[in-house]
Amino acid sequence: MKREEVVESEFKDLTRLIAGIPDREPPDGLVDAVMAGIRPKRAPWWRRLLQRLYRPVSVAPVRLIPAGVALALLLGLSFYFGFSMGTKKMAPVVARVETPARETSTVVFTLKDPRASQVYVIGSFNHWSPKGYRMHFDKKTGTWVLAVKLPEGRYEYAFLLNGKTIMPDPKALIQKDDGFGNKNSILIVERQDGTKTQS
């Protein structure tokens, strides 16, 4: 007998033996015990995120109505408050330091610059904020002018031209580097019994 025939004969005998084994039912509770031992694996966070991004989202238009109403209300309120704040008259120019009027001196800031279409005074006395410190253009002299009441002290200041260029006062006797590539002018206010102090 050839080797292939022997192998085939043994395979047939083995098949007959397997086919002759009687079927038995699994014991009660085996399936439940096996299923209880199997715990679903939790996918890593990045995979769950990708699945959520690739999953199509369907939203009923009726569910969007409350969000749309809330958004419209929020936009309306922000427009109303923004508009009403923008239309308020500018407060008179007064230093933000709470000081009795008799202890302040009036300082007149002036600037001649043909490039300027809008000028603000910013400095240590107003926390470098241009709000409320806009200079007014005097057509007769061609000069930007602003009078500010300040208490005694030493202040640094500069001019903000056209909302973007910061420059020191060209008439100031003392200037100081601000550490950011600009120069600030130095102003020293001394009480002079109500007389004006020129910057």
N, C-alpha and C. Protein backbone atom coordinates (compact mmCIF):
# COMPACT_ATOMS: atom_id res chain seq x y z
N MET A 1 0.82 -1.17 0.00
CA MET A 1 0.00 0.00 0.00
C MET A 1 0.87 1.25 0.00
N LYS A 2 0.43 2.21 -0.75
CA LYS A 2 1.19 3.46 -0.80
C LYS A 2 0.86 4.29 0.42
N ARG A 3 1.75 5.25 0.68
CA ARG A 3 1.60 6.08 1.87
C ARG A 3 0.34 6.93 1.80
N GLU A 4 -0.01 7.48 0.63
CA GLU A 4 -1.20 8.29 0.46
C GLU A 4 -2.44 7.48 0.77
N GLU A 5 -2.45 6.23 0.34
CA GLU A 5 -3.61 5.37 0.59
C GLU A 5 -3.76 5.08 2.08
N VAL A 6 -2.63 4.89 2.77
CA VAL A 6 -2.67 4.63 4.21
C VAL A 6 -3.25 5.85 4.94
N VAL A 7 -2.78 7.03 4.58
CA VAL A 7 -3.25 8.26 5.20
C VAL A 7 -4.74 8.43 4.95
N GLU A 8 -5.18 8.16 3.73
CA GLU A 8 -6.59 8.32 3.38
C GLU A 8 -7.44 7.32 4.16
N SER A 9 -6.94 6.11 4.31
CA SER A 9 -7.68 5.08 5.05
C SER A 9 -7.80 5.46 6.52
N GLU A 10 -6.71 5.98 7.11
CA GLU A 10 -6.76 6.42 8.51
C GLU A 10 -7.71 7.60 8.68
N PHE A 11 -7.74 8.50 7.72
CA PHE A 11 -8.62 9.65 7.77
C PHE A 11 -10.08 9.22 7.75
N LYS A 12 -10.39 8.23 6.90
CA LYS A 12 -11.77 7.73 6.82
C LYS A 12 -12.16 7.06 8.13
N ASP A 13 -11.24 6.30 8.73
CA ASP A 13 -11.55 5.64 10.01
C ASP A 13 -11.80 6.70 11.08
N LEU A 14 -10.99 7.71 11.11
CA LEU A 14 -11.14 8.78 12.10
C LEU A 14 -12.46 9.50 11.90
N THR A 15 -12.86 9.73 10.67
CA THR A 15 -14.13 10.40 10.36
C THR A 15 -15.29 9.55 10.85
N ARG A 16 -15.20 8.22 10.62
CA ARG A 16 -16.26 7.32 11.08
C ARG A 16 -16.37 7.34 12.61
N LEU A 17 -15.22 7.38 13.30
CA LEU A 17 -15.23 7.41 14.76
C LEU A 17 -15.87 8.71 15.28
N ILE A 18 -15.50 9.81 14.67
CA ILE A 18 -16.05 11.11 15.10
C ILE A 18 -17.55 11.14 14.85
N ALA A 19 -17.98 10.63 13.70
CA ALA A 19 -19.40 10.63 13.36
C ALA A 19 -20.18 9.74 14.32
N GLY A 20 -19.54 8.73 14.89
CA GLY A 20 -20.22 7.81 15.80
C GLY A 20 -20.35 8.32 17.21
N ILE A 21 -19.69 9.44 17.56
CA ILE A 21 -19.78 9.99 18.92
C ILE A 21 -21.18 10.58 19.09
N PRO A 22 -21.90 10.15 20.15
CA PRO A 22 -23.26 10.68 20.33
C PRO A 22 -23.21 12.15 20.77
N ASP A 23 -24.20 12.95 20.29
CA ASP A 23 -24.32 14.37 20.69
C ASP A 23 -24.89 14.44 22.08
N ARG A 24 -24.31 15.33 22.89
CA ARG A 24 -24.82 15.56 24.23
C ARG A 24 -25.16 17.03 24.39
N GLU A 25 -26.18 17.29 25.17
CA GLU A 25 -26.59 18.67 25.45
C GLU A 25 -25.61 19.28 26.46
N PRO A 26 -25.27 20.57 26.32
CA PRO A 26 -24.40 21.21 27.31
C PRO A 26 -25.13 21.29 28.65
N PRO A 27 -24.37 21.26 29.73
CA PRO A 27 -25.03 21.34 31.04
C PRO A 27 -25.75 22.69 31.21
N ASP A 28 -26.80 22.69 32.04
CA ASP A 28 -27.58 23.90 32.29
C ASP A 28 -26.67 25.00 32.87
N GLY A 29 -26.85 26.22 32.39
CA GLY A 29 -26.10 27.36 32.92
C GLY A 29 -24.75 27.56 32.28
N LEU A 30 -24.31 26.66 31.38
CA LEU A 30 -22.98 26.81 30.76
C LEU A 30 -22.92 28.07 29.89
N VAL A 31 -23.95 28.26 29.09
CA VAL A 31 -23.96 29.42 28.18
C VAL A 31 -23.96 30.73 29.00
N ASP A 32 -24.80 30.76 30.06
CA ASP A 32 -24.85 31.98 30.89
C ASP A 32 -23.51 32.25 31.57
N ALA A 33 -22.85 31.14 32.05
CA ALA A 33 -21.56 31.31 32.72
C ALA A 33 -20.50 31.84 31.75
N VAL A 34 -20.52 31.32 30.53
CA VAL A 34 -19.54 31.78 29.52
C VAL A 34 -19.80 33.23 29.15
N MET A 35 -21.08 33.59 28.93
CA MET A 35 -21.41 34.96 28.53
C MET A 35 -21.11 35.96 29.66
N ALA A 36 -21.30 35.52 30.92
CA ALA A 36 -21.00 36.41 32.05
C ALA A 36 -19.50 36.67 32.16
N GLY A 37 -18.69 35.70 31.75
CA GLY A 37 -17.24 35.87 31.81
C GLY A 37 -16.69 36.74 30.72
N ILE A 38 -17.48 36.99 29.69
CA ILE A 38 -17.03 37.84 28.57
C ILE A 38 -17.44 39.27 28.86
N ARG A 39 -16.48 40.17 28.99
CA ARG A 39 -16.75 41.58 29.22
C ARG A 39 -16.39 42.36 27.97
N PRO A 40 -17.25 43.28 27.56
CA PRO A 40 -16.93 44.07 26.35
C PRO A 40 -15.72 44.96 26.59
N LYS A 41 -14.87 45.03 25.61
CA LYS A 41 -13.68 45.89 25.71
C LYS A 41 -14.09 47.35 25.45
N ARG A 42 -13.55 48.24 26.27
CA ARG A 42 -13.81 49.68 26.07
C ARG A 42 -12.75 50.23 25.12
N ALA A 43 -13.22 50.82 24.04
CA ALA A 43 -12.30 51.37 23.04
C ALA A 43 -11.56 52.56 23.64
N PRO A 44 -10.30 52.82 23.21
CA PRO A 44 -9.58 53.99 23.71
C PRO A 44 -10.31 55.29 23.34
N TRP A 45 -10.02 56.35 24.09
CA TRP A 45 -10.75 57.62 23.92
C TRP A 45 -10.63 58.18 22.52
N TRP A 46 -9.46 58.05 21.89
CA TRP A 46 -9.28 58.61 20.55
C TRP A 46 -10.12 57.86 19.52
N ARG A 47 -10.29 56.53 19.73
CA ARG A 47 -11.11 55.76 18.79
C ARG A 47 -12.59 56.14 18.95
N ARG A 48 -13.02 56.34 20.22
CA ARG A 48 -14.40 56.74 20.45
C ARG A 48 -14.68 58.12 19.85
N LEU A 49 -13.68 59.00 19.95
CA LEU A 49 -13.84 60.33 19.36
C LEU A 49 -13.96 60.26 17.84
N LEU A 50 -13.11 59.44 17.22
CA LEU A 50 -13.19 59.27 15.77
C LEU A 50 -14.52 58.69 15.35
N GLN A 51 -15.00 57.70 16.12
CA GLN A 51 -16.29 57.11 15.79
C GLN A 51 -17.41 58.14 15.88
N ARG A 52 -17.33 59.00 16.90
CA ARG A 52 -18.37 60.02 17.05
C ARG A 52 -18.30 61.04 15.91
N LEU A 53 -17.07 61.38 15.48
CA LEU A 53 -16.94 62.35 14.39
C LEU A 53 -17.44 61.79 13.06
N TYR A 54 -17.21 60.51 12.83
CA TYR A 54 -17.62 59.90 11.56
C TYR A 54 -19.09 59.46 11.57
N ARG A 55 -19.72 59.43 12.75
CA ARG A 55 -21.11 59.01 12.82
C ARG A 55 -21.99 60.13 12.31
N PRO A 56 -22.90 59.86 11.38
CA PRO A 56 -23.77 60.93 10.87
C PRO A 56 -24.71 61.42 11.98
N VAL A 57 -24.93 62.71 12.00
CA VAL A 57 -25.79 63.31 13.00
C VAL A 57 -27.07 63.76 12.33
N SER A 58 -28.17 63.34 12.88
CA SER A 58 -29.46 63.78 12.35
C SER A 58 -30.21 64.48 13.46
N VAL A 59 -30.61 65.70 13.19
CA VAL A 59 -31.32 66.50 14.18
C VAL A 59 -32.64 66.95 13.57
N ALA A 60 -33.71 66.75 14.31
CA ALA A 60 -35.01 67.21 13.84
C ALA A 60 -35.05 68.73 13.91
N PRO A 61 -35.56 69.40 12.88
CA PRO A 61 -35.59 70.87 12.89
C PRO A 61 -36.34 71.44 14.09
N VAL A 62 -37.33 70.70 14.61
CA VAL A 62 -38.10 71.20 15.75
C VAL A 62 -37.20 71.35 16.98
N ARG A 63 -36.20 70.48 17.12
CA ARG A 63 -35.30 70.56 18.27
C ARG A 63 -34.37 71.77 18.19
N LEU A 64 -34.19 72.34 16.99
CA LEU A 64 -33.30 73.50 16.84
C LEU A 64 -33.99 74.82 17.19
N ILE A 65 -35.30 74.83 17.33
CA ILE A 65 -36.03 76.08 17.58
C ILE A 65 -35.60 76.72 18.89
N PRO A 66 -35.53 76.00 20.04
CA PRO A 66 -35.10 76.68 21.27
C PRO A 66 -33.70 77.27 21.17
N ALA A 67 -32.78 76.53 20.53
CA ALA A 67 -31.42 77.05 20.39
C ALA A 67 -31.41 78.29 19.51
N GLY A 68 -32.20 78.30 18.45
CA GLY A 68 -32.27 79.47 17.56
C GLY A 68 -32.85 80.68 18.27
N VAL A 69 -33.89 80.46 19.08
CA VAL A 69 -34.49 81.57 19.83
C VAL A 69 -33.48 82.13 20.82
N ALA A 70 -32.77 81.23 21.54
CA ALA A 70 -31.78 81.69 22.52
C ALA A 70 -30.67 82.48 21.84
N LEU A 71 -30.20 82.01 20.68
CA LEU A 71 -29.14 82.70 19.95
C LEU A 71 -29.61 84.08 19.48
N ALA A 72 -30.84 84.15 18.96
CA ALA A 72 -31.38 85.44 18.50
C ALA A 72 -31.51 86.41 19.67
N LEU A 73 -31.96 85.91 20.82
CA LEU A 73 -32.10 86.75 22.00
C LEU A 73 -30.74 87.27 22.46
N LEU A 74 -29.74 86.39 22.48
CA LEU A 74 -28.39 86.78 22.89
C LEU A 74 -27.80 87.83 21.95
N LEU A 75 -27.97 87.64 20.64
CA LEU A 75 -27.46 88.62 19.67
C LEU A 75 -28.18 89.95 19.82
N GLY A 76 -29.50 89.90 20.05
CA GLY A 76 -30.26 91.13 20.22
C GLY A 76 -29.81 91.92 21.44
N LEU A 77 -29.60 91.20 22.56
CA LEU A 77 -29.14 91.88 23.77
C LEU A 77 -27.75 92.47 23.61
N SER A 78 -26.86 91.71 22.97
CA SER A 78 -25.50 92.23 22.79
C SER A 78 -25.50 93.44 21.86
N PHE A 79 -26.35 93.41 20.82
CA PHE A 79 -26.44 94.56 19.92
C PHE A 79 -27.00 95.77 20.66
N TYR A 80 -28.05 95.54 21.47
CA TYR A 80 -28.68 96.65 22.20
C TYR A 80 -27.70 97.30 23.17
N PHE A 81 -27.02 96.45 23.99
CA PHE A 81 -26.10 97.02 24.97
C PHE A 81 -24.89 97.64 24.31
N GLY A 82 -24.39 97.03 23.23
CA GLY A 82 -23.25 97.60 22.51
C GLY A 82 -23.61 98.94 21.89
N PHE A 83 -24.82 99.02 21.31
CA PHE A 83 -25.24 100.26 20.67
C PHE A 83 -25.48 101.34 21.71
N SER A 84 -26.16 100.98 22.81
CA SER A 84 -26.47 102.00 23.82
C SER A 84 -25.21 102.50 24.50
N MET A 85 -24.21 101.62 24.69
CA MET A 85 -22.96 102.07 25.30
C MET A 85 -22.20 102.96 24.35
N GLY A 86 -22.28 102.67 23.03
CA GLY A 86 -21.54 103.45 22.05
C GLY A 86 -22.12 104.83 21.83
N THR A 87 -23.43 105.02 22.16
CA THR A 87 -24.04 106.32 21.91
C THR A 87 -24.02 107.23 23.12
N LYS A 88 -23.49 106.75 24.24
CA LYS A 88 -23.41 107.61 25.42
C LYS A 88 -22.42 108.74 25.17
N LYS A 89 -22.71 109.90 25.74
CA LYS A 89 -21.78 111.03 25.61
C LYS A 89 -20.54 110.75 26.42
N MET A 90 -19.43 111.23 25.88
CA MET A 90 -18.17 111.04 26.60
C MET A 90 -18.17 111.83 27.88
N ALA A 91 -17.68 111.19 28.92
CA ALA A 91 -17.60 111.87 30.22
C ALA A 91 -16.55 112.97 30.12
N PRO A 92 -16.71 114.01 30.90
CA PRO A 92 -15.69 115.06 30.88
C PRO A 92 -14.33 114.50 31.27
N VAL A 93 -13.31 115.07 30.69
CA VAL A 93 -11.97 114.55 30.92
C VAL A 93 -11.50 114.94 32.30
N VAL A 94 -11.45 113.92 33.17
CA VAL A 94 -10.97 114.13 34.54
C VAL A 94 -10.08 112.95 34.86
N ALA A 95 -8.98 113.20 35.54
CA ALA A 95 -8.09 112.11 35.93
C ALA A 95 -8.86 111.12 36.77
N ARG A 96 -8.55 109.82 36.64
CA ARG A 96 -9.28 108.79 37.37
C ARG A 96 -8.86 108.70 38.82
N VAL A 97 -7.86 109.42 39.20
CA VAL A 97 -7.43 109.43 40.60
C VAL A 97 -8.41 110.31 41.35
N GLU A 98 -9.05 109.76 42.40
CA GLU A 98 -10.01 110.53 43.19
C GLU A 98 -9.26 111.55 44.04
N THR A 99 -9.32 112.79 43.64
CA THR A 99 -8.63 113.87 44.35
C THR A 99 -9.55 115.08 44.36
N PRO A 100 -9.66 115.78 45.45
CA PRO A 100 -10.46 117.01 45.46
C PRO A 100 -9.97 117.99 44.39
N ALA A 101 -10.90 118.74 43.79
CA ALA A 101 -10.56 119.63 42.68
C ALA A 101 -9.53 120.68 43.08
N ARG A 102 -9.57 121.15 44.32
CA ARG A 102 -8.63 122.20 44.72
C ARG A 102 -7.19 121.69 44.77
N GLU A 103 -6.98 120.37 44.79
CA GLU A 103 -5.64 119.81 44.87
C GLU A 103 -5.12 119.36 43.50
N THR A 104 -5.82 119.74 42.44
CA THR A 104 -5.39 119.35 41.10
C THR A 104 -4.94 120.58 40.32
N SER A 105 -4.19 120.32 39.28
CA SER A 105 -3.76 121.38 38.35
C SER A 105 -4.23 120.97 36.97
N THR A 106 -4.53 121.97 36.14
CA THR A 106 -4.96 121.70 34.78
C THR A 106 -3.74 121.62 33.87
N VAL A 107 -3.59 120.49 33.23
CA VAL A 107 -2.48 120.28 32.29
C VAL A 107 -3.07 120.30 30.88
N VAL A 108 -2.49 121.10 29.99
CA VAL A 108 -2.95 121.20 28.61
C VAL A 108 -1.96 120.46 27.72
N PHE A 109 -2.41 119.38 27.13
CA PHE A 109 -1.59 118.63 26.18
C PHE A 109 -1.85 119.18 24.79
N THR A 110 -0.77 119.42 24.05
CA THR A 110 -0.90 119.92 22.68
C THR A 110 0.01 119.13 21.75
N LEU A 111 -0.43 118.99 20.52
CA LEU A 111 0.38 118.28 19.52
C LEU A 111 0.07 118.83 18.14
N LYS A 112 1.14 119.11 17.38
CA LYS A 112 0.98 119.47 15.97
C LYS A 112 1.58 118.34 15.15
N ASP A 113 0.74 117.68 14.37
CA ASP A 113 1.24 116.59 13.52
C ASP A 113 0.30 116.47 12.32
N PRO A 114 0.79 116.78 11.11
CA PRO A 114 -0.09 116.73 9.93
C PRO A 114 -0.56 115.32 9.57
N ARG A 115 0.12 114.30 10.09
CA ARG A 115 -0.29 112.92 9.78
C ARG A 115 -1.52 112.49 10.56
N ALA A 116 -1.83 113.20 11.64
CA ALA A 116 -2.85 112.75 12.58
C ALA A 116 -4.26 113.08 12.09
N SER A 117 -5.14 112.07 12.14
CA SER A 117 -6.56 112.30 11.89
C SER A 117 -7.35 112.06 13.18
N GLN A 118 -6.67 111.47 14.17
CA GLN A 118 -7.29 111.20 15.46
C GLN A 118 -6.16 111.03 16.48
N VAL A 119 -6.27 111.69 17.62
CA VAL A 119 -5.19 111.64 18.61
C VAL A 119 -5.79 111.44 20.01
N TYR A 120 -5.17 110.53 20.77
CA TYR A 120 -5.54 110.32 22.17
C TYR A 120 -4.30 110.52 23.04
N VAL A 121 -4.53 110.90 24.29
CA VAL A 121 -3.44 110.96 25.27
C VAL A 121 -3.57 109.71 26.12
N ILE A 122 -2.49 108.94 26.20
CA ILE A 122 -2.47 107.76 27.05
C ILE A 122 -1.31 107.90 28.03
N GLY A 123 -1.50 107.41 29.24
CA GLY A 123 -0.43 107.56 30.21
C GLY A 123 -0.72 106.84 31.50
N SER A 124 0.19 107.02 32.44
CA SER A 124 0.05 106.35 33.73
C SER A 124 -1.13 106.92 34.52
N PHE A 125 -1.57 108.13 34.20
CA PHE A 125 -2.70 108.73 34.92
C PHE A 125 -4.04 108.16 34.48
N ASN A 126 -4.12 107.52 33.30
CA ASN A 126 -5.38 106.92 32.85
C ASN A 126 -5.21 105.42 32.53
N HIS A 127 -4.20 104.82 33.14
CA HIS A 127 -3.92 103.38 32.96
C HIS A 127 -3.69 103.02 31.49
N TRP A 128 -3.16 103.95 30.73
CA TRP A 128 -2.81 103.76 29.32
C TRP A 128 -4.03 103.42 28.47
N SER A 129 -5.17 103.89 28.89
CA SER A 129 -6.41 103.65 28.14
C SER A 129 -6.82 104.93 27.42
N PRO A 130 -7.06 104.89 26.12
CA PRO A 130 -7.43 106.10 25.40
C PRO A 130 -8.88 106.55 25.65
N LYS A 131 -9.69 105.69 26.24
CA LYS A 131 -11.12 106.00 26.40
C LYS A 131 -11.30 107.26 27.25
N GLY A 132 -12.00 108.24 26.68
CA GLY A 132 -12.26 109.48 27.40
C GLY A 132 -11.15 110.51 27.31
N TYR A 133 -10.06 110.21 26.61
CA TYR A 133 -8.92 111.12 26.52
C TYR A 133 -8.60 111.46 25.06
N ARG A 134 -9.65 111.66 24.29
CA ARG A 134 -9.46 112.03 22.89
C ARG A 134 -9.18 113.52 22.80
N MET A 135 -8.18 113.88 22.01
CA MET A 135 -7.82 115.29 21.83
C MET A 135 -8.72 115.90 20.75
N HIS A 136 -8.93 117.21 20.86
CA HIS A 136 -9.78 117.92 19.92
C HIS A 136 -8.91 118.80 19.02
N PHE A 137 -9.28 118.87 17.74
CA PHE A 137 -8.48 119.61 16.78
C PHE A 137 -8.93 121.07 16.73
N ASP A 138 -7.98 121.96 16.94
CA ASP A 138 -8.24 123.40 16.85
C ASP A 138 -7.84 123.85 15.44
N LYS A 139 -8.85 124.16 14.63
CA LYS A 139 -8.58 124.51 13.23
C LYS A 139 -7.78 125.81 13.10
N LYS A 140 -7.99 126.73 14.01
CA LYS A 140 -7.29 128.02 13.91
C LYS A 140 -5.78 127.86 14.04
N THR A 141 -5.37 127.02 14.99
CA THR A 141 -3.93 126.87 15.22
C THR A 141 -3.37 125.60 14.58
N GLY A 142 -4.26 124.71 14.09
CA GLY A 142 -3.79 123.44 13.51
C GLY A 142 -3.17 122.53 14.56
N THR A 143 -3.70 122.62 15.78
CA THR A 143 -3.12 121.89 16.90
C THR A 143 -4.18 120.99 17.55
N TRP A 144 -3.74 119.82 17.97
CA TRP A 144 -4.58 118.92 18.77
C TRP A 144 -4.42 119.33 20.23
N VAL A 145 -5.56 119.46 20.95
CA VAL A 145 -5.53 120.00 22.30
C VAL A 145 -6.42 119.15 23.22
N LEU A 146 -5.94 118.99 24.48
CA LEU A 146 -6.76 118.35 25.51
C LEU A 146 -6.31 118.85 26.87
N ALA A 147 -7.28 119.30 27.67
CA ALA A 147 -6.99 119.76 29.04
C ALA A 147 -7.40 118.67 30.01
N VAL A 148 -6.50 118.32 30.93
CA VAL A 148 -6.75 117.26 31.91
C VAL A 148 -6.39 117.79 33.29
N LYS A 149 -7.25 117.51 34.27
CA LYS A 149 -6.95 117.88 35.65
C LYS A 149 -6.22 116.73 36.30
N LEU A 150 -5.04 117.02 36.85
CA LEU A 150 -4.22 115.98 37.49
C LEU A 150 -3.74 116.44 38.85
N PRO A 151 -3.68 115.52 39.80
CA PRO A 151 -3.07 115.86 41.09
C PRO A 151 -1.56 115.93 40.96
N GLU A 152 -0.92 116.42 42.00
CA GLU A 152 0.54 116.49 41.98
C GLU A 152 1.13 115.10 41.78
N GLY A 153 2.25 115.04 41.06
CA GLY A 153 2.92 113.76 40.87
C GLY A 153 3.71 113.71 39.60
N ARG A 154 4.33 112.57 39.39
CA ARG A 154 5.14 112.33 38.19
C ARG A 154 4.41 111.33 37.32
N TYR A 155 4.24 111.64 36.05
CA TYR A 155 3.47 110.79 35.14
C TYR A 155 4.26 110.51 33.87
N GLU A 156 4.02 109.34 33.30
CA GLU A 156 4.53 109.03 31.97
C GLU A 156 3.34 109.08 31.02
N TYR A 157 3.57 109.57 29.81
CA TYR A 157 2.47 109.65 28.85
C TYR A 157 3.03 109.62 27.43
N ALA A 158 2.11 109.43 26.48
CA ALA A 158 2.45 109.44 25.06
C ALA A 158 1.18 109.76 24.29
N PHE A 159 1.33 109.98 22.98
CA PHE A 159 0.18 110.23 22.13
C PHE A 159 -0.08 108.99 21.27
N LEU A 160 -1.36 108.67 21.11
CA LEU A 160 -1.77 107.57 20.24
C LEU A 160 -2.38 108.17 18.99
N LEU A 161 -1.65 108.05 17.86
CA LEU A 161 -2.09 108.65 16.60
C LEU A 161 -2.82 107.62 15.75
N ASN A 162 -3.98 108.00 15.25
CA ASN A 162 -4.75 107.20 14.29
C ASN A 162 -5.00 105.77 14.79
N GLY A 163 -5.01 105.58 16.08
CA GLY A 163 -5.33 104.29 16.67
C GLY A 163 -4.23 103.26 16.60
N LYS A 164 -3.04 103.61 16.08
CA LYS A 164 -1.99 102.60 15.95
C LYS A 164 -0.57 103.08 16.24
N THR A 165 -0.29 104.33 16.07
CA THR A 165 1.08 104.82 16.26
C THR A 165 1.21 105.51 17.62
N ILE A 166 2.16 105.04 18.42
CA ILE A 166 2.44 105.66 19.72
C ILE A 166 3.70 106.51 19.58
N MET A 167 3.57 107.77 20.00
CA MET A 167 4.74 108.66 19.90
C MET A 167 4.82 109.53 21.15
N PRO A 168 6.06 109.87 21.57
CA PRO A 168 6.21 110.76 22.73
C PRO A 168 5.87 112.19 22.34
N ASP A 169 5.70 112.99 23.34
CA ASP A 169 5.43 114.41 23.11
C ASP A 169 6.73 115.06 22.63
N PRO A 170 6.77 115.61 21.40
CA PRO A 170 8.02 116.19 20.90
C PRO A 170 8.47 117.42 21.70
N LYS A 171 7.55 118.05 22.47
CA LYS A 171 7.93 119.23 23.25
C LYS A 171 8.35 118.89 24.67
N ALA A 172 8.21 117.65 25.09
CA ALA A 172 8.56 117.27 26.46
C ALA A 172 10.07 117.32 26.66
N LEU A 173 10.49 117.83 27.80
CA LEU A 173 11.93 117.95 28.08
C LEU A 173 12.55 116.61 28.48
N ILE A 174 11.75 115.72 29.10
CA ILE A 174 12.27 114.43 29.57
C ILE A 174 11.51 113.31 28.88
N GLN A 175 12.28 112.34 28.38
CA GLN A 175 11.67 111.15 27.78
C GLN A 175 12.33 109.92 28.37
N LYS A 176 11.59 108.81 28.38
CA LYS A 176 12.08 107.58 28.98
C LYS A 176 11.70 106.40 28.08
N ASP A 177 12.64 105.45 27.92
CA ASP A 177 12.38 104.24 27.14
C ASP A 177 11.39 103.38 27.93
N ASP A 178 10.32 102.89 27.24
CA ASP A 178 9.31 102.11 27.96
C ASP A 178 9.62 100.62 28.02
N GLY A 179 10.74 100.20 27.41
CA GLY A 179 11.12 98.78 27.43
C GLY A 179 10.51 97.98 26.30
N PHE A 180 9.67 98.60 25.47
CA PHE A 180 9.04 97.91 24.35
C PHE A 180 9.39 98.55 23.01
N GLY A 181 10.44 99.34 23.00
CA GLY A 181 10.86 99.97 21.75
C GLY A 181 10.26 101.35 21.53
N ASN A 182 9.45 101.83 22.47
CA ASN A 182 8.86 103.17 22.36
C ASN A 182 9.44 104.06 23.45
N LYS A 183 9.19 105.37 23.31
CA LYS A 183 9.61 106.31 24.34
C LYS A 183 8.37 106.98 24.91
N ASN A 184 8.39 107.19 26.20
CA ASN A 184 7.32 107.91 26.88
C ASN A 184 7.86 109.26 27.33
N SER A 185 6.97 110.24 27.34
CA SER A 185 7.33 111.56 27.86
C SER A 185 7.06 111.57 29.36
N ILE A 186 7.82 112.36 30.08
CA ILE A 186 7.67 112.48 31.53
C ILE A 186 7.04 113.83 31.84
N LEU A 187 6.00 113.80 32.68
CA LEU A 187 5.32 115.02 33.10
C LEU A 187 5.35 115.09 34.63
N ILE A 188 5.80 116.22 35.17
CA ILE A 188 5.81 116.42 36.61
C ILE A 188 4.83 117.55 36.91
N VAL A 189 3.79 117.23 37.69
CA VAL A 189 2.76 118.20 38.01
C VAL A 189 2.99 118.70 39.44
N GLU A 190 3.11 120.01 39.57
CA GLU A 190 3.24 120.63 40.90
C GLU A 190 2.06 121.57 41.08
N ARG A 191 1.54 121.57 42.26
CA ARG A 191 0.39 122.43 42.53
C ARG A 191 0.79 123.89 42.40
N GLN A 192 -0.01 124.60 41.56
CA GLN A 192 0.34 126.01 41.32
C GLN A 192 -0.88 126.91 41.54
N ASP A 193 -1.71 126.50 42.49
CA ASP A 193 -2.90 127.30 42.86
C ASP A 193 -3.79 127.62 41.67
N GLY A 194 -4.09 126.58 40.91
CA GLY A 194 -5.06 126.72 39.82
C GLY A 194 -4.48 127.18 38.51
N THR A 195 -3.22 127.58 38.45
CA THR A 195 -2.65 127.99 37.17
C THR A 195 -2.38 126.76 36.34
N LYS A 196 -2.40 126.93 35.04
CA LYS A 196 -2.23 125.80 34.12
C LYS A 196 -0.78 125.39 34.01
N THR A 197 -0.60 124.07 33.96
CA THR A 197 0.74 123.53 33.75
C THR A 197 0.83 123.03 32.31
N GLN A 198 1.74 123.55 31.55
CA GLN A 198 1.88 123.16 30.15
C GLN A 198 2.74 121.90 30.07
N SER A 199 2.30 120.93 29.24
CA SER A 199 3.13 119.71 29.08
C SER A 199 4.21 119.93 28.06
